[in-house]
PDB file of N, CA and C in Angstrom:
ATOM      1  N   UNK A   1       8.704  72.862   0.909  1.00  0.00           N
ATOM      2  CA  UNK A   1       9.521  72.170   1.348  1.00  0.00           C
ATOM      3  C   UNK A   1      10.099  70.428   1.710  1.00  0.00           C
ATOM      4  N   UNK A   2      11.588  70.600   0.852  1.00  0.00           N
ATOM      5  CA  UNK A   2      12.068  69.737   0.189  1.00  0.00           C
ATOM      6  C   UNK A   2      11.860  68.420   1.692  1.00  0.00           C
ATOM      7  N   UNK A   3      12.670  67.087   1.006  1.00  0.00           N
ATOM      8  CA  UNK A   3      12.595  66.162   2.079  1.00  0.00           C
ATOM      9  C   UNK A   3      13.920  66.165   3.107  1.00  0.00           C
ATOM     10  N   UNK A   4      15.481  67.180   2.226  1.00  0.00           N
ATOM     11  CA  UNK A   4      16.248  67.405   2.692  1.00  0.00           C
ATOM     12  C   UNK A   4      16.112  68.877   3.954  1.00  0.00           C
ATOM     13  N   UNK A   5      15.041  69.529   3.479  1.00  0.00           N
ATOM     14  CA  UNK A   5      14.880  70.464   4.570  1.00  0.00           C
ATOM     15  C   UNK A   5      14.071  70.424   6.164  1.00  0.00           C
ATOM     16  N   UNK A   6      13.468  69.703   5.447  1.00  0.00           N
ATOM     17  CA  UNK A   6      12.464  68.638   7.169  1.00  0.00           C
ATOM     18  C   UNK A   6      13.534  67.826   7.375  1.00  0.00           C
ATOM     19  N   UNK A   7      14.195  67.053   7.328  1.00  0.00           N
ATOM     20  CA  UNK A   7      15.330  66.624   7.717  1.00  0.00           C
ATOM     21  C   UNK A   7      16.158  67.009   8.841  1.00  0.00           C
ATOM     22  N   UNK A   8      16.395  67.890   8.327  1.00  0.00           N
ATOM     23  CA  UNK A   8      17.516  69.513   8.438  1.00  0.00           C
ATOM     24  C   UNK A   8      16.804  70.022   9.290  1.00  0.00           C
ATOM     25  N   UNK A   9      16.086  70.284   9.564  1.00  0.00           N
ATOM     26  CA  UNK A   9      14.048  71.059  10.478  1.00  0.00           C
ATOM     27  C   UNK A   9      14.314  70.011  11.324  1.00  0.00           C
ATOM     28  N   UNK A  10      13.828  68.866  11.773  1.00  0.00           N
ATOM     29  CA  UNK A  10      13.889  67.619  12.809  1.00  0.00           C
ATOM     30  C   UNK A  10      14.958  67.086  12.716  1.00  0.00           C
ATOM     31  N   UNK A  11      15.827  67.469  12.329  1.00  0.00           N
ATOM     32  CA  UNK A  11      17.432  67.018  12.913  1.00  0.00           C
ATOM     33  C   UNK A  11      17.451  68.826  13.903  1.00  0.00           C
ATOM     34  N   UNK A  12      17.930  68.506  13.499  1.00  0.00           N
ATOM     35  CA  UNK A  12      17.658  71.054  14.019  1.00  0.00           C
ATOM     36  C   UNK A  12      16.866  70.466  15.667  1.00  0.00           C
ATOM     37  N   UNK A  13      15.754  70.714  15.707  1.00  0.00           N
ATOM     38  CA  UNK A  13      14.607  70.381  16.159  1.00  0.00           C
ATOM     39  C   UNK A  13      14.827  69.961  17.632  1.00  0.00           C
ATOM     40  N   UNK A  14      15.633  68.172  17.134  1.00  0.00           N
ATOM     41  CA  UNK A  14      15.904  67.392  18.850  1.00  0.00           C
ATOM     42  C   UNK A  14      17.343  67.722  19.322  1.00  0.00           C
ATOM     43  N   UNK A  15      18.410  68.564  17.834  1.00  0.00           N
ATOM     44  CA  UNK A  15      18.929  68.597  19.338  1.00  0.00           C
ATOM     45  C   UNK A  15      18.806  70.100  19.848  1.00  0.00           C
ATOM     46  N   UNK A  16      18.133  70.591  19.649  1.00  0.00           N
ATOM     47  CA  UNK A  16      18.159  72.107  20.403  1.00  0.00           C
ATOM     48  C   UNK A  16      16.907  71.066  21.815  1.00  0.00           C
ATOM     49  N   UNK A  17      15.450  70.206  21.540  1.00  0.00           N
ATOM     50  CA  UNK A  17      15.504  69.446  23.018  1.00  0.00           C
ATOM     51  C   UNK A  17      15.910  69.064  23.984  1.00  0.00           C
ATOM     52  N   UNK A  18      17.202  68.482  23.212  1.00  0.00           N
ATOM     53  CA  UNK A  18      18.673  68.242  23.761  1.00  0.00           C
ATOM     54  C   UNK A  18      19.517  68.904  24.805  1.00  0.00           C
ATOM     55  N   UNK A  19      18.939  70.824  24.379  1.00  0.00           N
ATOM     56  CA  UNK A  19      19.680  71.539  24.501  1.00  0.00           C
ATOM     57  C   UNK A  19      19.401  71.977  25.710  1.00  0.00           C
ATOM     58  N   UNK A  20      17.728  72.135  25.644  1.00  0.00           N
ATOM     59  CA  UNK A  20      16.790  73.146  26.626  1.00  0.00           C
ATOM     60  C   UNK A  20      16.225  71.572  27.669  1.00  0.00           C
ATOM     61  N   UNK A  21      16.571  70.349  27.655  1.00  0.00           N
ATOM     62  CA  UNK A  21      16.468  69.749  28.151  1.00  0.00           C
ATOM     63  C   UNK A  21      17.246  69.589  29.745  1.00  0.00           C
ATOM     64  N   UNK A  22      18.678  70.029  29.233  1.00  0.00           N
ATOM     65  CA  UNK A  22      20.124  70.082  30.380  1.00  0.00           C
ATOM     66  C   UNK A  22      20.266  71.448  30.066  1.00  0.00           C
ATOM     67  N   UNK A  23      19.914  72.478  30.024  1.00  0.00           N
ATOM     68  CA  UNK A  23      19.607  73.618  30.252  1.00  0.00           C
ATOM     69  C   UNK A  23      20.399  74.750  29.334  1.00  0.00           C
ATOM     70  N   UNK A  24      21.088  74.049  28.736  1.00  0.00           N
ATOM     71  CA  UNK A  24      21.996  75.289  27.734  1.00  0.00           C
ATOM     72  C   UNK A  24      21.197  76.427  26.864  1.00  0.00           C
ATOM     73  N   UNK A  25      20.250  76.027  26.844  1.00  0.00           N
ATOM     74  CA  UNK A  25      19.211  76.944  26.314  1.00  0.00           C
ATOM     75  C   UNK A  25      17.814  77.331  27.269  1.00  0.00           C
ATOM     76  N   UNK A  26      17.262  78.529  27.133  1.00  0.00           N
ATOM     77  CA  UNK A  26      16.080  79.163  28.039  1.00  0.00           C
ATOM     78  C   UNK A  26      15.189  80.222  26.446  1.00  0.00           C
ATOM     79  N   UNK A  27      14.009  79.960  27.354  1.00  0.00           N
ATOM     80  CA  UNK A  27      13.426  81.647  26.622  1.00  0.00           C
ATOM     81  C   UNK A  27      13.631  82.551  25.192  1.00  0.00           C
ATOM     82  N   UNK A  28      14.660  82.848  25.783  1.00  0.00           N
ATOM     83  CA  UNK A  28      14.779  84.399  25.451  1.00  0.00           C
ATOM     84  C   UNK A  28      16.325  83.874  24.461  1.00  0.00           C
ATOM     85  N   UNK A  29      16.584  82.728  25.055  1.00  0.00           N
ATOM     86  CA  UNK A  29      17.828  83.144  23.353  1.00  0.00           C
ATOM     87  C   UNK A  29      17.734  81.809  22.263  1.00  0.00           C
ATOM     88  N   UNK A  30      15.981  81.245  22.685  1.00  0.00           N
ATOM     89  CA  UNK A  30      16.236  80.325  22.518  1.00  0.00           C
ATOM     90  C   UNK A  30      16.275  80.769  19.864  1.00  0.00           C
ATOM     91  N   UNK A  31      15.414  81.145  19.443  1.00  0.00           N
ATOM     92  CA  UNK A  31      16.022  81.908  18.280  1.00  0.00           C
ATOM     93  C   UNK A  31      17.052  82.026  18.405  1.00  0.00           C
ATOM     94  N   UNK A  32      17.750  82.592  18.581  1.00  0.00           N
ATOM     95  CA  UNK A  32      19.529  82.570  17.917  1.00  0.00           C
ATOM     96  C   UNK A  32      20.186  81.297  18.322  1.00  0.00           C
ATOM     97  N   UNK A  33      20.352  80.535  18.942  1.00  0.00           N
ATOM     98  CA  UNK A  33      20.332  79.360  19.671  1.00  0.00           C
ATOM     99  C   UNK A  33      19.764  78.553  18.407  1.00  0.00           C
ATOM    100  N   UNK A  34      18.546  78.909  17.686  1.00  0.00           N
ATOM    101  CA  UNK A  34      17.886  78.218  17.131  1.00  0.00           C
ATOM    102  C   UNK A  34      18.242  77.784  15.689  1.00  0.00           C
ATOM    103  N   UNK A  35      18.530  79.576  15.297  1.00  0.00           N
ATOM    104  CA  UNK A  35      18.412  79.147  13.794  1.00  0.00           C
ATOM    105  C   UNK A  35      20.291  78.560  13.337  1.00  0.00           C
ATOM    106  N   UNK A  36      21.152  79.286  14.409  1.00  0.00           N
ATOM    107  CA  UNK A  36      22.278  78.684  15.058  1.00  0.00           C
ATOM    108  C   UNK A  36      22.264  77.159  14.670  1.00  0.00           C
ATOM    109  N   UNK A  37      21.931  76.497  15.297  1.00  0.00           N
ATOM    110  CA  UNK A  37      21.377  74.891  15.600  1.00  0.00           C
ATOM    111  C   UNK A  37      21.156  74.345  13.558  1.00  0.00           C
ATOM    112  N   UNK A  38      20.384  74.844  13.143  1.00  0.00           N
ATOM    113  CA  UNK A  38      19.507  74.750  12.334  1.00  0.00           C
ATOM    114  C   UNK A  38      20.820  75.424  10.860  1.00  0.00           C
ATOM    115  N   UNK A  39      21.622  76.409  11.030  1.00  0.00           N
ATOM    116  CA  UNK A  39      22.391  76.333  10.358  1.00  0.00           C
ATOM    117  C   UNK A  39      23.661  75.241   9.664  1.00  0.00           C
ATOM    118  N   UNK A  40      23.846  75.120  11.192  1.00  0.00           N
ATOM    119  CA  UNK A  40      24.623  74.360  11.378  1.00  0.00           C
ATOM    120  C   UNK A  40      25.179  72.918  10.757  1.00  0.00           C
ATOM    121  N   UNK A  41      23.240  72.571  10.567  1.00  0.00           N
ATOM    122  CA  UNK A  41      23.428  71.091   9.856  1.00  0.00           C
ATOM    123  C   UNK A  41      22.930  71.077   8.626  1.00  0.00           C
ATOM    124  N   UNK A  42      22.392  72.414   8.793  1.00  0.00           N
ATOM    125  CA  UNK A  42      21.988  72.623   7.076  1.00  0.00           C
ATOM    126  C   UNK A  42      23.604  72.749   6.011  1.00  0.00           C
ATOM    127  N   UNK A  43      24.195  72.895   6.609  1.00  0.00           N
ATOM    128  CA  UNK A  43      26.005  73.072   6.158  1.00  0.00           C
ATOM    129  C   UNK A  43      26.527  71.970   6.109  1.00  0.00           C
ATOM    130  N   UNK A  44      26.648  71.498   7.261  1.00  0.00           N
ATOM    131  CA  UNK A  44      27.213  70.276   7.278  1.00  0.00           C
ATOM    132  C   UNK A  44      26.572  69.083   6.389  1.00  0.00           C
ATOM    133  N   UNK A  45      25.262  68.915   6.098  1.00  0.00           N
ATOM    134  CA  UNK A  45      24.648  68.208   4.961  1.00  0.00           C
ATOM    135  C   UNK A  45      24.803  68.981   4.054  1.00  0.00           C
ATOM    136  N   UNK A  46      24.322  69.671   4.091  1.00  0.00           N
ATOM    137  CA  UNK A  46      25.636  70.162   2.146  1.00  0.00           C
ATOM    138  C   UNK A  46      26.508  70.062   1.669  1.00  0.00           C
ATOM    139  N   UNK A  47      27.961  69.752   2.754  1.00  0.00           N
ATOM    140  CA  UNK A  47      29.513  68.871   2.711  1.00  0.00           C
ATOM    141  C   UNK A  47      29.047  67.996   2.460  1.00  0.00           C
ATOM    142  N   UNK A  48      28.021  67.045   3.212  1.00  0.00           N
ATOM    143  CA  UNK A  48      28.016  65.618   2.994  1.00  0.00           C
ATOM    144  C   UNK A  48      27.784  65.712   1.639  1.00  0.00           C
ATOM    145  N   UNK A  49      26.630  65.743   1.428  1.00  0.00           N
ATOM    146  CA  UNK A  49      25.445  65.669  -0.534  1.00  0.00           C
ATOM    147  C   UNK A  49      26.312  66.847  -1.217  1.00  0.00           C
ATOM    148  N   UNK A  50      27.656  67.511  -0.860  1.00  0.00           N
ATOM    149  CA  UNK A  50      28.897  67.699  -1.812  1.00  0.00           C
ATOM    150  C   UNK A  50      29.805  67.169  -2.230  1.00  0.00           C
ATOM    151  N   UNK A  51      29.683  66.424  -1.313  1.00  0.00           N
ATOM    152  CA  UNK A  51      31.274  64.899  -0.741  1.00  0.00           C
ATOM    153  C   UNK A  51      31.050  63.655  -2.429  1.00  0.00           C
ATOM    154  N   UNK A  52      29.186  63.446  -2.100  1.00  0.00           N
ATOM    155  CA  UNK A  52      29.376  63.285  -2.199  1.00  0.00           C
ATOM    156  C   UNK A  52      28.801  62.220  -4.058  1.00  0.00           C
ATOM    157  N   UNK A  53      28.056  63.779  -4.356  1.00  0.00           N
ATOM    158  CA  UNK A  53      28.387  64.347  -6.029  1.00  0.00           C
ATOM    159  C   UNK A  53      29.791  64.186  -6.017  1.00  0.00           C
ATOM    160  N   UNK A  54      30.264  64.138  -5.968  1.00  0.00           N
ATOM    161  CA  UNK A  54      31.981  65.028  -5.934  1.00  0.00           C
ATOM    162  C   UNK A  54      32.599  62.793  -6.523  1.00  0.00           C
ATOM    163  N   UNK A  55      32.437  62.308  -4.695  1.00  0.00           N
ATOM    164  CA  UNK A  55      32.535  61.585  -5.473  1.00  0.00           C
ATOM    165  C   UNK A  55      32.353  60.281  -6.741  1.00  0.00           C
ATOM    166  N   UNK A  56      31.116  60.618  -6.496  1.00  0.00           N
ATOM    167  CA  UNK A  56      30.310  59.874  -7.969  1.00  0.00           C
ATOM    168  C   UNK A  56      30.225  60.283  -9.694  1.00  0.00           C
ATOM    169  N   UNK A  57      31.380  61.494  -9.192  1.00  0.00           N
ATOM    170  CA  UNK A  57      31.782  62.489 -10.621  1.00  0.00           C
ATOM    171  C   UNK A  57      32.820  61.472 -10.800  1.00  0.00           C
ATOM    172  N   UNK A  58      34.082  61.711  -9.734  1.00  0.00           N
ATOM    173  CA  UNK A  58      35.240  60.938  -9.929  1.00  0.00           C
ATOM    174  C   UNK A  58      35.233  58.992 -10.130  1.00  0.00           C
ATOM    175  N   UNK A  59      34.370  58.695  -9.951  1.00  0.00           N
ATOM    176  CA  UNK A  59      34.012  57.366 -10.603  1.00  0.00           C
ATOM    177  C   UNK A  59      33.855  57.716 -11.885  1.00  0.00           C
ATOM    178  N   UNK A  60      33.042  58.124 -12.532  1.00  0.00           N
ATOM    179  CA  UNK A  60      32.183  58.502 -13.395  1.00  0.00           C
ATOM    180  C   UNK A  60      33.514  58.338 -14.696  1.00  0.00           C
ATOM    181  N   UNK A  61      34.342  59.143 -14.175  1.00  0.00           N
ATOM    182  CA  UNK A  61      36.106  59.647 -15.254  1.00  0.00           C
ATOM    183  C   UNK A  61      36.623  58.355 -15.096  1.00  0.00           C
TER     184      UNK A  61
END
């Protein structure tokens, strides 16, 4: 597991725990909700990385 994957997983766990604490997630819908949280964070982290690499390419030009 890469460092990025670990960071995404850690962030998803933190968000899921907060949702559990406020009663937004129950055991019956946890798998679906966790998958959605993980994928949203993964997409957001990927977009950030893509934006940074695009900015770095522009500086080189």
